[in-house]
Protein backbone atom coordinates (compact mmCIF):
# COMPACT_ATOMS: atom_id res chain seq x y z
CA MET A 1 -50.12 8.71 85.72
CA ALA A 2 -51.07 5.16 84.74
CA GLY A 3 -53.99 6.50 82.69
CA LEU A 4 -51.65 8.67 80.66
CA LYS A 5 -49.38 5.73 79.87
CA TYR A 6 -52.42 3.69 78.82
CA TYR A 7 -53.60 6.53 76.58
CA GLU A 8 -50.14 6.92 75.02
CA ARG A 9 -49.85 3.19 74.36
CA THR A 10 -53.33 3.09 72.86
CA LYS A 11 -52.53 6.05 70.61
CA LEU A 12 -49.29 4.39 69.47
CA LEU A 13 -51.13 1.13 68.84
CA ILE A 14 -53.69 2.91 66.64
CA GLU A 15 -50.89 4.58 64.68
CA LEU A 16 -49.12 1.24 64.15
CA ILE A 17 -52.36 -0.41 63.02
CA GLU A 18 -53.02 2.41 60.55
CA LYS A 19 -49.50 1.98 59.14
CA ARG A 20 -49.83 -1.83 59.22
CA LYS A 21 -46.62 -2.11 61.21
CA THR A 22 -47.66 -3.85 64.42
CA GLY A 23 -45.95 -7.15 63.72
CA SER A 24 -46.89 -10.21 65.72
CA PRO A 25 -48.45 -9.89 69.19
CA GLU A 26 -45.00 -10.57 70.66
CA ASP A 27 -43.40 -7.86 68.51
CA LEU A 28 -46.16 -5.44 69.40
CA ALA A 29 -45.71 -6.10 73.11
CA LYS A 30 -42.03 -5.22 72.75
CA LYS A 31 -42.83 -2.02 70.84
CA LEU A 32 -45.32 -0.94 73.51
CA GLN A 33 -43.07 -2.19 76.33
CA VAL A 34 -45.84 -4.28 77.90
CA HIS A 35 -46.74 -7.93 78.32
CA LYS A 36 -48.51 -9.71 75.49
CA ARG A 37 -51.65 -10.00 77.65
CA THR A 38 -51.76 -6.20 77.93
CA VAL A 39 -51.68 -5.95 74.13
CA TYR A 40 -54.74 -8.21 73.94
CA ARG A 41 -56.48 -6.14 76.64
CA ILE A 42 -55.90 -2.87 74.76
CA LEU A 43 -57.07 -4.45 71.50
CA ASP A 44 -60.23 -5.69 73.23
CA ASP A 45 -60.89 -2.19 74.61
CA LEU A 46 -60.48 -0.69 71.13
CA ARG A 47 -62.78 -3.28 69.60
CA LEU A 48 -65.49 -2.38 72.10
CA SER A 49 -65.16 1.36 71.63
CA GLU A 50 -64.79 1.54 67.84
CA SER A 51 -67.26 0.78 65.05
CA ILE A 52 -64.58 -1.14 63.15
CA GLU A 53 -63.04 -4.53 63.69
CA ILE A 54 -59.37 -5.10 64.40
CA VAL A 55 -58.01 -8.33 62.95
CA PHE A 56 -54.58 -9.87 62.44
CA CYS A 57 -53.61 -10.08 58.75
CA LYS A 58 -51.23 -12.96 58.09
CA GLU A 59 -50.18 -11.51 54.73
CA SER A 60 -48.97 -8.19 56.12
CA LYS A 61 -48.07 -9.72 59.50
CA SER A 62 -49.87 -6.88 61.24
CA TYR A 63 -53.14 -6.01 62.92
CA ILE A 64 -55.39 -4.04 60.60
CA PHE A 65 -58.68 -2.17 60.80
CA SER A 66 -61.55 -3.92 59.03
CA GLU A 67 -65.19 -2.92 58.74
CA LYS A 68 -67.56 -4.88 60.96
CA LYS A 69 -69.94 -7.11 59.07
């Protein structure tokens, strides 16, 4: 059951990043109903598994996908 919740949260996180509507890490933790540390853990997992970088954009106040250099 915990794996399913993790998958659902990860899927939601990807959708929010694509829409550029994650907000700050604190806002994102509230949206995903997890602790801020869990947000960082999921982001780290995504960064390891994807060929693109995930960075926080101060202008849009959201995490965004960015190509790795």
